Every structure is written in C-alpha cells, then in structure tokens.
Amino acid sequence: FGAAIGFELVGVCALMFARHFIEPGKLHPRIRATIPAVAV
C-alpha cells in the first residue's frame, strides 16, 4: 500500500511545494490556481 500510494503523494506534495515556492508573477495565475485541483 505504501509503495502504491507513495509515488502519487510525491506528485501531490511536489505540486503544492511549487505553488508556494515559485515566485509571485513567475507563474501564470490560472496555472497557479489550478494546482490544488490537480493535486487532489
């Protein structure tokens, strides 16, 4: 179970990290707004 869900959790956390880490104005607003939905 851990191996099956682990890779997806990496993708979720990587997306949310990028959302808060990439500088303001350096990512299209619609892309930044869509990140939580893709992570879910």
PDB file of all heavy atoms in Angstrom:
ATOM      1  N   PHE A   1       0.833  -1.201   0.000  1.00  0.00           N
ATOM      2  CA  PHE A   1       0.000   0.000   0.000  1.00  0.00           C
ATOM      3  C   PHE A   1       0.870   1.254   0.000  1.00  0.00           C
ATOM      4  O   PHE A   1       0.613   2.213  -0.736  1.00  0.00           O
ATOM      5  CB  PHE A   1      -0.922   0.000   1.215  1.00  0.00           C
ATOM      6  CG  PHE A   1      -1.719   1.265   1.378  1.00  0.00           C
ATOM      7  CD1 PHE A   1      -2.882   1.471   0.667  1.00  0.00           C
ATOM      8  CD2 PHE A   1      -1.284   2.263   2.242  1.00  0.00           C
ATOM      9  CE1 PHE A   1      -3.608   2.639   0.812  1.00  0.00           C
ATOM     10  CE2 PHE A   1      -1.998   3.436   2.387  1.00  0.00           C
ATOM     11  CZ  PHE A   1      -3.173   3.624   1.670  1.00  0.00           C
ATOM     12  N   GLY A   2       1.921   1.271   0.851  1.00  0.00           N
ATOM     13  CA  GLY A   2       2.810   2.433   0.899  1.00  0.00           C
ATOM     14  C   GLY A   2       3.500   2.684  -0.424  1.00  0.00           C
ATOM     15  O   GLY A   2       3.636   3.831  -0.858  1.00  0.00           O
ATOM     16  N   ALA A   3       3.937   1.608  -1.077  1.00  0.00           N
ATOM     17  CA  ALA A   3       4.593   1.773  -2.373  1.00  0.00           C
ATOM     18  C   ALA A   3       3.611   2.244  -3.429  1.00  0.00           C
ATOM     19  O   ALA A   3       3.963   3.030  -4.318  1.00  0.00           O
ATOM     20  CB  ALA A   3       5.229   0.444  -2.805  1.00  0.00           C
ATOM     21  N   ALA A   4       2.336   1.768  -3.340  1.00  0.00           N
ATOM     22  CA  ALA A   4       1.331   2.154  -4.335  1.00  0.00           C
ATOM     23  C   ALA A   4       0.938   3.617  -4.212  1.00  0.00           C
ATOM     24  O   ALA A   4       0.759   4.315  -5.215  1.00  0.00           O
ATOM     25  CB  ALA A   4       0.099   1.260  -4.201  1.00  0.00           C
ATOM     26  N   ILE A   5       0.824   4.116  -2.961  1.00  0.00           N
ATOM     27  CA  ILE A   5       0.366   5.494  -2.768  1.00  0.00           C
ATOM     28  C   ILE A   5       1.522   6.477  -2.708  1.00  0.00           C
ATOM     29  O   ILE A   5       1.353   7.687  -2.931  1.00  0.00           O
ATOM     30  CB  ILE A   5      -0.468   5.597  -1.467  1.00  0.00           C
ATOM     31  CG1 ILE A   5      -1.246   6.922  -1.403  1.00  0.00           C
ATOM     32  CG2 ILE A   5       0.430   5.456  -0.250  1.00  0.00           C
ATOM     33  CD1 ILE A   5      -2.288   7.073  -2.475  1.00  0.00           C
ATOM     34  N   GLY A   6       2.743   5.975  -2.423  1.00  0.00           N
ATOM     35  CA  GLY A   6       3.881   6.873  -2.217  1.00  0.00           C
ATOM     36  C   GLY A   6       4.218   7.726  -3.414  1.00  0.00           C
ATOM     37  O   GLY A   6       4.465   8.938  -3.288  1.00  0.00           O
ATOM     38  N   PHE A   7       4.227   7.130  -4.607  1.00  0.00           N
ATOM     39  CA  PHE A   7       4.597   7.889  -5.795  1.00  0.00           C
ATOM     40  C   PHE A   7       3.605   9.010  -6.065  1.00  0.00           C
ATOM     41  O   PHE A   7       3.986  10.122  -6.460  1.00  0.00           O
ATOM     42  CB  PHE A   7       4.681   6.952  -6.998  1.00  0.00           C
ATOM     43  CG  PHE A   7       5.383   7.551  -8.173  1.00  0.00           C
ATOM     44  CD1 PHE A   7       6.758   7.590  -8.229  1.00  0.00           C
ATOM     45  CD2 PHE A   7       4.665   8.093  -9.234  1.00  0.00           C
ATOM     46  CE1 PHE A   7       7.420   8.160  -9.309  1.00  0.00           C
ATOM     47  CE2 PHE A   7       5.308   8.660 -10.317  1.00  0.00           C
ATOM     48  CZ  PHE A   7       6.694   8.695 -10.358  1.00  0.00           C
ATOM     49  N   GLU A   8       2.308   8.739  -5.835  1.00  0.00           N
ATOM     50  CA  GLU A   8       1.290   9.774  -6.041  1.00  0.00           C
ATOM     51  C   GLU A   8       1.424  10.890  -5.001  1.00  0.00           C
ATOM     52  O   GLU A   8       1.216  12.069  -5.298  1.00  0.00           O
ATOM     53  CB  GLU A   8      -0.107   9.162  -5.990  1.00  0.00           C
ATOM     54  CG  GLU A   8      -0.515   8.437  -7.262  1.00  0.00           C
ATOM     55  CD  GLU A   8       0.321   7.193  -7.513  1.00  0.00           C
ATOM     56  OE1 GLU A   8       0.676   6.499  -6.534  1.00  0.00           O
ATOM     57  OE2 GLU A   8       0.633   6.914  -8.688  1.00  0.00           O
ATOM     58  N   LEU A   9       1.771  10.515  -3.760  1.00  0.00           N
ATOM     59  CA  LEU A   9       1.971  11.536  -2.730  1.00  0.00           C
ATOM     60  C   LEU A   9       3.145  12.445  -3.083  1.00  0.00           C
ATOM     61  O   LEU A   9       3.120  13.650  -2.797  1.00  0.00           O
ATOM     62  CB  LEU A   9       2.218  10.871  -1.371  1.00  0.00           C
ATOM     63  CG  LEU A   9       1.011  10.214  -0.709  1.00  0.00           C
ATOM     64  CD1 LEU A   9       1.418   9.565   0.600  1.00  0.00           C
ATOM     65  CD2 LEU A   9      -0.092  11.228  -0.470  1.00  0.00           C
ATOM     66  N   VAL A  10       4.166  11.882  -3.698  1.00  0.00           N
ATOM     67  CA  VAL A  10       5.294  12.700  -4.155  1.00  0.00           C
ATOM     68  C   VAL A  10       4.804  13.743  -5.158  1.00  0.00           C
ATOM     69  O   VAL A  10       5.174  14.923  -5.092  1.00  0.00           O
ATOM     70  CB  VAL A  10       6.396  11.817  -4.775  1.00  0.00           C
ATOM     71  CG1 VAL A  10       7.446  12.679  -5.479  1.00  0.00           C
ATOM     72  CG2 VAL A  10       7.054  10.967  -3.708  1.00  0.00           C
ATOM     73  N   GLY A  11       3.943  13.319  -6.091  1.00  0.00           N
ATOM     74  CA  GLY A  11       3.401  14.262  -7.073  1.00  0.00           C
ATOM     75  C   GLY A  11       2.553  15.340  -6.433  1.00  0.00           C
ATOM     76  O   GLY A  11       2.644  16.522  -6.784  1.00  0.00           O
ATOM     77  N   VAL A  12       1.711  14.951  -5.453  1.00  0.00           N
ATOM     78  CA  VAL A  12       0.848  15.929  -4.768  1.00  0.00           C
ATOM     79  C   VAL A  12       1.696  16.973  -4.048  1.00  0.00           C
ATOM     80  O   VAL A  12       1.482  18.191  -4.188  1.00  0.00           O
ATOM     81  CB  VAL A  12      -0.080  15.208  -3.772  1.00  0.00           C
ATOM     82  CG1 VAL A  12      -0.813  16.227  -2.890  1.00  0.00           C
ATOM     83  CG2 VAL A  12      -1.102  14.355  -4.524  1.00  0.00           C
ATOM     84  N   CYS A  13       2.660  16.518  -3.254  1.00  0.00           N
ATOM     85  CA  CYS A  13       3.476  17.438  -2.465  1.00  0.00           C
ATOM     86  C   CYS A  13       4.386  18.288  -3.357  1.00  0.00           C
ATOM     87  O   CYS A  13       4.633  19.464  -3.053  1.00  0.00           O
ATOM     88  CB  CYS A  13       4.311  16.659  -1.453  1.00  0.00           C
ATOM     89  SG  CYS A  13       3.328  15.790  -0.217  1.00  0.00           S
ATOM     90  N   ALA A  14       4.879  17.704  -4.456  1.00  0.00           N
ATOM     91  CA  ALA A  14       5.723  18.476  -5.366  1.00  0.00           C
ATOM     92  C   ALA A  14       4.932  19.619  -5.992  1.00  0.00           C
ATOM     93  O   ALA A  14       5.430  20.741  -6.136  1.00  0.00           O
ATOM     94  CB  ALA A  14       6.298  17.566  -6.449  1.00  0.00           C
ATOM     95  N   LEU A  15       3.680  19.357  -6.360  1.00  0.00           N
ATOM     96  CA  LEU A  15       2.842  20.407  -6.947  1.00  0.00           C
ATOM     97  C   LEU A  15       2.565  21.517  -5.935  1.00  0.00           C
ATOM     98  O   LEU A  15       2.682  22.711  -6.250  1.00  0.00           O
ATOM     99  CB  LEU A  15       1.529  19.809  -7.437  1.00  0.00           C
ATOM    100  CG  LEU A  15       1.549  19.129  -8.806  1.00  0.00           C
ATOM    101  CD1 LEU A  15       0.221  18.444  -9.077  1.00  0.00           C
ATOM    102  CD2 LEU A  15       1.845  20.141  -9.909  1.00  0.00           C
ATOM    103  N   MET A  16       2.186  21.150  -4.711  1.00  0.00           N
ATOM    104  CA  MET A  16       1.866  22.165  -3.706  1.00  0.00           C
ATOM    105  C   MET A  16       3.118  22.934  -3.282  1.00  0.00           C
ATOM    106  O   MET A  16       3.047  24.130  -2.984  1.00  0.00           O
ATOM    107  CB  MET A  16       1.213  21.501  -2.495  1.00  0.00           C
ATOM    108  CG  MET A  16      -0.134  20.861  -2.808  1.00  0.00           C
ATOM    109  SD  MET A  16      -1.320  22.024  -3.536  1.00  0.00           S
ATOM    110  CE  MET A  16      -1.516  23.202  -2.201  1.00  0.00           C
ATOM    111  N   PHE A  17       4.244  22.260  -3.259  1.00  0.00           N
ATOM    112  CA  PHE A  17       5.503  22.954  -2.973  1.00  0.00           C
ATOM    113  C   PHE A  17       5.791  23.999  -4.050  1.00  0.00           C
ATOM    114  O   PHE A  17       6.161  25.140  -3.745  1.00  0.00           O
ATOM    115  CB  PHE A  17       6.637  21.942  -2.888  1.00  0.00           C
ATOM    116  CG  PHE A  17       8.008  22.560  -2.808  1.00  0.00           C
ATOM    117  CD1 PHE A  17       8.433  23.211  -1.668  1.00  0.00           C
ATOM    118  CD2 PHE A  17       8.870  22.502  -3.892  1.00  0.00           C
ATOM    119  CE1 PHE A  17       9.698  23.786  -1.597  1.00  0.00           C
ATOM    120  CE2 PHE A  17      10.128  23.066  -3.838  1.00  0.00           C
ATOM    121  CZ  PHE A  17      10.538  23.704  -2.684  1.00  0.00           C
ATOM    122  N   ALA A  18       5.606  23.612  -5.306  1.00  0.00           N
ATOM    123  CA  ALA A  18       5.841  24.545  -6.410  1.00  0.00           C
ATOM    124  C   ALA A  18       4.884  25.722  -6.335  1.00  0.00           C
ATOM    125  O   ALA A  18       5.262  26.862  -6.619  1.00  0.00           O
ATOM    126  CB  ALA A  18       5.696  23.820  -7.743  1.00  0.00           C
ATOM    127  N   ARG A  19       3.643  25.482  -5.947  1.00  0.00           N
ATOM    128  CA  ARG A  19       2.639  26.569  -5.872  1.00  0.00           C
ATOM    129  C   ARG A  19       3.078  27.655  -4.897  1.00  0.00           C
ATOM    130  O   ARG A  19       2.894  28.852  -5.152  1.00  0.00           O
ATOM    131  CB  ARG A  19       1.294  25.998  -5.448  1.00  0.00           C
ATOM    132  CG  ARG A  19       0.170  27.035  -5.370  1.00  0.00           C
ATOM    133  CD  ARG A  19      -1.160  26.362  -5.075  1.00  0.00           C
ATOM    134  NE  ARG A  19      -2.260  27.309  -5.173  1.00  0.00           N
ATOM    135  CZ  ARG A  19      -2.784  27.951  -4.133  1.00  0.00           C
ATOM    136  NH1 ARG A  19      -2.296  27.728  -2.911  1.00  0.00           N
ATOM    137  NH2 ARG A  19      -3.780  28.803  -4.295  1.00  0.00           N
ATOM    138  N   HIS A  20       3.645  27.250  -3.771  1.00  0.00           N
ATOM    139  CA  HIS A  20       4.035  28.232  -2.752  1.00  0.00           C
ATOM    140  C   HIS A  20       5.479  28.690  -2.905  1.00  0.00           C
ATOM    141  O   HIS A  20       5.865  29.690  -2.293  1.00  0.00           O
ATOM    142  CB  HIS A  20       3.839  27.635  -1.356  1.00  0.00           C
ATOM    143  CG  HIS A  20       2.409  27.356  -1.009  1.00  0.00           C
ATOM    144  ND1 HIS A  20       1.524  28.347  -0.644  1.00  0.00           N
ATOM    145  CD2 HIS A  20       1.700  26.198  -1.006  1.00  0.00           C
ATOM    146  CE1 HIS A  20       0.346  27.817  -0.400  1.00  0.00           C
ATOM    147  NE2 HIS A  20       0.412  26.516  -0.619  1.00  0.00           N
ATOM    148  N   PHE A  21       6.257  27.959  -3.707  1.00  0.00           N
ATOM    149  CA  PHE A  21       7.680  28.271  -3.788  1.00  0.00           C
ATOM    150  C   PHE A  21       8.035  29.143  -4.983  1.00  0.00           C
ATOM    151  O   PHE A  21       8.903  30.022  -4.873  1.00  0.00           O
ATOM    152  CB  PHE A  21       8.477  26.962  -3.858  1.00  0.00           C
ATOM    153  CG  PHE A  21       9.961  27.168  -3.761  1.00  0.00           C
ATOM    154  CD1 PHE A  21      10.533  27.632  -2.598  1.00  0.00           C
ATOM    155  CD2 PHE A  21      10.790  26.897  -4.841  1.00  0.00           C
ATOM    156  CE1 PHE A  21      11.902  27.822  -2.507  1.00  0.00           C
ATOM    157  CE2 PHE A  21      12.154  27.088  -4.758  1.00  0.00           C
ATOM    158  CZ  PHE A  21      12.710  27.546  -3.582  1.00  0.00           C
ATOM    159  N   ILE A  22       7.390  28.911  -6.127  1.00  0.00           N
ATOM    160  CA  ILE A  22       7.689  29.716  -7.318  1.00  0.00           C
ATOM    161  C   ILE A  22       7.273  31.162  -7.049  1.00  0.00           C
ATOM    162  O   ILE A  22       6.188  31.439  -6.545  1.00  0.00           O
ATOM    163  CB  ILE A  22       6.983  29.142  -8.555  1.00  0.00           C
ATOM    164  CG1 ILE A  22       7.563  27.762  -8.882  1.00  0.00           C
ATOM    165  CG2 ILE A  22       7.140  30.072  -9.753  1.00  0.00           C
ATOM    166  CD1 ILE A  22       6.900  27.077 -10.050  1.00  0.00           C
ATOM    167  N   GLU A  23       8.127  32.089  -7.414  1.00  0.00           N
ATOM    168  CA  GLU A  23       7.948  33.490  -7.068  1.00  0.00           C
ATOM    169  C   GLU A  23       6.647  34.067  -7.641  1.00  0.00           C
ATOM    170  O   GLU A  23       6.192  33.642  -8.703  1.00  0.00           O
ATOM    171  CB  GLU A  23       9.129  34.320  -7.587  1.00  0.00           C
ATOM    172  CG  GLU A  23      10.486  33.796  -7.174  1.00  0.00           C
ATOM    173  CD  GLU A  23      11.081  32.828  -8.168  1.00  0.00           C
ATOM    174  OE1 GLU A  23      10.297  32.125  -8.854  1.00  0.00           O
ATOM    175  OE2 GLU A  23      12.310  32.776  -8.271  1.00  0.00           O
ATOM    176  N   PRO A  24       6.038  35.039  -6.947  1.00  0.00           N
ATOM    177  CA  PRO A  24       4.859  35.722  -7.498  1.00  0.00           C
ATOM    178  C   PRO A  24       5.198  36.367  -8.843  1.00  0.00           C
ATOM    179  O   PRO A  24       6.255  36.965  -9.014  1.00  0.00           O
ATOM    180  CB  PRO A  24       4.539  36.775  -6.434  1.00  0.00           C
ATOM    181  CG  PRO A  24       5.137  36.243  -5.171  1.00  0.00           C
ATOM    182  CD  PRO A  24       6.368  35.497  -5.590  1.00  0.00           C
ATOM    183  N   GLY A  25       4.276  36.223  -9.797  1.00  0.00           N
ATOM    184  CA  GLY A  25       4.480  36.792 -11.116  1.00  0.00           C
ATOM    185  C   GLY A  25       5.297  35.924 -12.043  1.00  0.00           C
ATOM    186  O   GLY A  25       5.439  36.249 -13.225  1.00  0.00           O
ATOM    187  N   LYS A  26       5.854  34.820 -11.541  1.00  0.00           N
ATOM    188  CA  LYS A  26       6.671  33.939 -12.363  1.00  0.00           C
ATOM    189  C   LYS A  26       5.917  32.683 -12.803  1.00  0.00           C
ATOM    190  O   LYS A  26       6.507  31.771 -13.361  1.00  0.00           O
ATOM    191  CB  LYS A  26       7.935  33.518 -11.601  1.00  0.00           C
ATOM    192  CG  LYS A  26       8.828  34.678 -11.189  1.00  0.00           C
ATOM    193  CD  LYS A  26       9.367  35.429 -12.403  1.00  0.00           C
ATOM    194  CE  LYS A  26      10.343  36.528 -11.986  1.00  0.00           C
ATOM    195  NZ  LYS A  26      10.875  37.265 -13.157  1.00  0.00           N
ATOM    196  N   LEU A  27       4.622  32.637 -12.553  1.00  0.00           N
ATOM    197  CA  LEU A  27       3.781  31.519 -12.964  1.00  0.00           C
ATOM    198  C   LEU A  27       2.421  32.072 -13.324  1.00  0.00           C
ATOM    199  O   LEU A  27       1.888  32.940 -12.613  1.00  0.00           O
ATOM    200  CB  LEU A  27       3.656  30.490 -11.836  1.00  0.00           C
ATOM    201  CG  LEU A  27       2.926  29.182 -12.159  1.00  0.00           C
ATOM    202  CD1 LEU A  27       3.672  28.404 -13.230  1.00  0.00           C
ATOM    203  CD2 LEU A  27       2.767  28.338 -10.898  1.00  0.00           C
ATOM    204  N   HIS A  28       1.862  31.615 -14.449  1.00  0.00           N
ATOM    205  CA  HIS A  28       0.567  32.125 -14.897  1.00  0.00           C
ATOM    206  C   HIS A  28      -0.463  31.944 -13.782  1.00  0.00           C
ATOM    207  O   HIS A  28      -0.550  30.865 -13.174  1.00  0.00           O
ATOM    208  CB  HIS A  28       0.114  31.395 -16.159  1.00  0.00           C
ATOM    209  CG  HIS A  28      -1.010  32.076 -16.872  1.00  0.00           C
ATOM    210  ND1 HIS A  28      -2.310  32.024 -16.410  1.00  0.00           N
ATOM    211  CD2 HIS A  28      -1.026  32.842 -17.990  1.00  0.00           C
ATOM    212  CE1 HIS A  28      -3.087  32.711 -17.227  1.00  0.00           C
ATOM    213  NE2 HIS A  28      -2.334  33.219 -18.186  1.00  0.00           N
ATOM    214  N   PRO A  29      -1.268  32.972 -13.489  1.00  0.00           N
ATOM    215  CA  PRO A  29      -2.235  32.874 -12.379  1.00  0.00           C
ATOM    216  C   PRO A  29      -3.184  31.695 -12.504  1.00  0.00           C
ATOM    217  O   PRO A  29      -3.540  31.063 -11.502  1.00  0.00           O
ATOM    218  CB  PRO A  29      -2.979  34.210 -12.450  1.00  0.00           C
ATOM    219  CG  PRO A  29      -2.035  35.148 -13.129  1.00  0.00           C
ATOM    220  CD  PRO A  29      -1.261  34.314 -14.104  1.00  0.00           C
ATOM    221  N   ARG A  30      -3.623  31.380 -13.722  1.00  0.00           N
ATOM    222  CA  ARG A  30      -4.551  30.255 -13.875  1.00  0.00           C
ATOM    223  C   ARG A  30      -3.864  28.927 -13.568  1.00  0.00           C
ATOM    224  O   ARG A  30      -4.486  28.014 -13.000  1.00  0.00           O
ATOM    225  CB  ARG A  30      -5.109  30.247 -15.293  1.00  0.00           C
ATOM    226  CG  ARG A  30      -6.054  31.415 -15.584  1.00  0.00           C
ATOM    227  CD  ARG A  30      -6.663  31.289 -16.976  1.00  0.00           C
ATOM    228  NE  ARG A  30      -7.567  32.401 -17.254  1.00  0.00           N
ATOM    229  CZ  ARG A  30      -8.209  32.566 -18.400  1.00  0.00           C
ATOM    230  NH1 ARG A  30      -8.041  31.674 -19.386  1.00  0.00           N
ATOM    231  NH2 ARG A  30      -9.005  33.598 -18.567  1.00  0.00           N
ATOM    232  N   ILE A  31      -2.602  28.818 -13.945  1.00  0.00           N
ATOM    233  CA  ILE A  31      -1.872  27.592 -13.630  1.00  0.00           C
ATOM    234  C   ILE A  31      -1.705  27.456 -12.125  1.00  0.00           C
ATOM    235  O   ILE A  31      -1.924  26.385 -11.542  1.00  0.00           O
ATOM    236  CB  ILE A  31      -0.499  27.587 -14.334  1.00  0.00           C
ATOM    237  CG1 ILE A  31      -0.677  27.537 -15.848  1.00  0.00           C
ATOM    238  CG2 ILE A  31       0.344  26.406 -13.858  1.00  0.00           C
ATOM    239  CD1 ILE A  31       0.626  27.556 -16.626  1.00  0.00           C
ATOM    240  N   ARG A  32      -1.339  28.560 -11.461  1.00  0.00           N
ATOM    241  CA  ARG A  32      -1.173  28.508 -10.004  1.00  0.00           C
ATOM    242  C   ARG A  32      -2.491  28.170  -9.320  1.00  0.00           C
ATOM    243  O   ARG A  32      -2.513  27.407  -8.342  1.00  0.00           O
ATOM    244  CB  ARG A  32      -0.632  29.848  -9.490  1.00  0.00           C
ATOM    245  CG  ARG A  32      -0.088  29.777  -8.060  1.00  0.00           C
ATOM    246  CD  ARG A  32       0.329  31.159  -7.581  1.00  0.00           C
ATOM    247  NE  ARG A  32       1.436  31.701  -8.341  1.00  0.00           N
ATOM    248  CZ  ARG A  32       2.713  31.514  -8.028  1.00  0.00           C
ATOM    249  NH1 ARG A  32       3.038  30.766  -6.993  1.00  0.00           N
ATOM    250  NH2 ARG A  32       3.666  32.064  -8.758  1.00  0.00           N
ATOM    251  N   ALA A  33      -3.581  28.723  -9.824  1.00  0.00           N
ATOM    252  CA  ALA A  33      -4.890  28.457  -9.217  1.00  0.00           C
ATOM    253  C   ALA A  33      -5.349  27.023  -9.455  1.00  0.00           C
ATOM    254  O   ALA A  33      -6.147  26.481  -8.680  1.00  0.00           O
ATOM    255  CB  ALA A  33      -5.921  29.442  -9.770  1.00  0.00           C
ATOM    256  N   THR A  34      -4.875  26.389 -10.518  1.00  0.00           N
ATOM    257  CA  THR A  34      -5.312  25.032 -10.864  1.00  0.00           C
ATOM    258  C   THR A  34      -4.529  23.966 -10.107  1.00  0.00           C
ATOM    259  O   THR A  34      -4.963  22.813 -10.022  1.00  0.00           O
ATOM    260  CB  THR A  34      -5.157  24.802 -12.385  1.00  0.00           C
ATOM    261  OG1 THR A  34      -5.820  25.864 -13.094  1.00  0.00           O
ATOM    262  CG2 THR A  34      -5.778  23.484 -12.817  1.00  0.00           C
ATOM    263  N   ILE A  35      -3.389  24.325  -9.537  1.00  0.00           N
ATOM    264  CA  ILE A  35      -2.529  23.335  -8.880  1.00  0.00           C
ATOM    265  C   ILE A  35      -3.261  22.543  -7.802  1.00  0.00           C
ATOM    266  O   ILE A  35      -3.163  21.305  -7.767  1.00  0.00           O
ATOM    267  CB  ILE A  35      -1.265  24.018  -8.313  1.00  0.00           C
ATOM    268  CG1 ILE A  35      -0.332  24.429  -9.463  1.00  0.00           C
ATOM    269  CG2 ILE A  35      -0.532  23.095  -7.346  1.00  0.00           C
ATOM    270  CD1 ILE A  35       0.915  25.165  -9.009  1.00  0.00           C
ATOM    271  N   PRO A  36      -4.024  23.166  -6.868  1.00  0.00           N
ATOM    272  CA  PRO A  36      -4.701  22.352  -5.838  1.00  0.00           C
ATOM    273  C   PRO A  36      -5.659  21.325  -6.428  1.00  0.00           C
ATOM    274  O   PRO A  36      -5.737  20.196  -5.920  1.00  0.00           O
ATOM    275  CB  PRO A  36      -5.443  23.402  -5.002  1.00  0.00           C
ATOM    276  CG  PRO A  36      -4.679  24.663  -5.201  1.00  0.00           C
ATOM    277  CD  PRO A  36      -4.203  24.616  -6.619  1.00  0.00           C
ATOM    278  N   ALA A  37      -6.377  21.686  -7.487  1.00  0.00           N
ATOM    279  CA  ALA A  37      -7.315  20.740  -8.093  1.00  0.00           C
ATOM    280  C   ALA A  37      -6.580  19.544  -8.690  1.00  0.00           C
ATOM    281  O   ALA A  37      -7.010  18.388  -8.547  1.00  0.00           O
ATOM    282  CB  ALA A  37      -8.145  21.447  -9.162  1.00  0.00           C
ATOM    283  N   VAL A  38      -5.452  19.800  -9.360  1.00  0.00           N
ATOM    284  CA  VAL A  38      -4.678  18.700  -9.936  1.00  0.00           C
ATOM    285  C   VAL A  38      -4.089  17.831  -8.827  1.00  0.00           C
ATOM    286  O   VAL A  38      -4.046  16.598  -8.946  1.00  0.00           O
ATOM    287  CB  VAL A  38      -3.560  19.256 -10.845  1.00  0.00           C
ATOM    288  CG1 VAL A  38      -2.694  18.126 -11.394  1.00  0.00           C
ATOM    289  CG2 VAL A  38      -4.158  20.058 -11.990  1.00  0.00           C
ATOM    290  N   ALA A  39      -3.649  18.461  -7.741  1.00  0.00           N
ATOM    291  CA  ALA A  39      -3.106  17.688  -6.623  1.00  0.00           C
ATOM    292  C   ALA A  39      -4.171  16.776  -6.016  1.00  0.00           C
ATOM    293  O   ALA A  39      -3.895  15.611  -5.693  1.00  0.00           O
ATOM    294  CB  ALA A  39      -2.545  18.636  -5.558  1.00  0.00           C
ATOM    295  N   VAL A  40      -5.387  17.293  -5.867  1.00  0.00           N
ATOM    296  CA  VAL A  40      -6.489  16.473  -5.345  1.00  0.00           C
ATOM    297  C   VAL A  40      -6.794  15.326  -6.312  1.00  0.00           C
ATOM    298  O   VAL A  40      -7.047  14.189  -5.896  1.00  0.00           O
ATOM    299  CB  VAL A  40      -7.740  17.340  -5.108  1.00  0.00           C
ATOM    300  CG1 VAL A  40      -8.947  16.470  -4.790  1.00  0.00           C
ATOM    301  CG2 VAL A  40      -7.485  18.319  -3.969  1.00  0.00           C
TER     302      VAL A  40
END
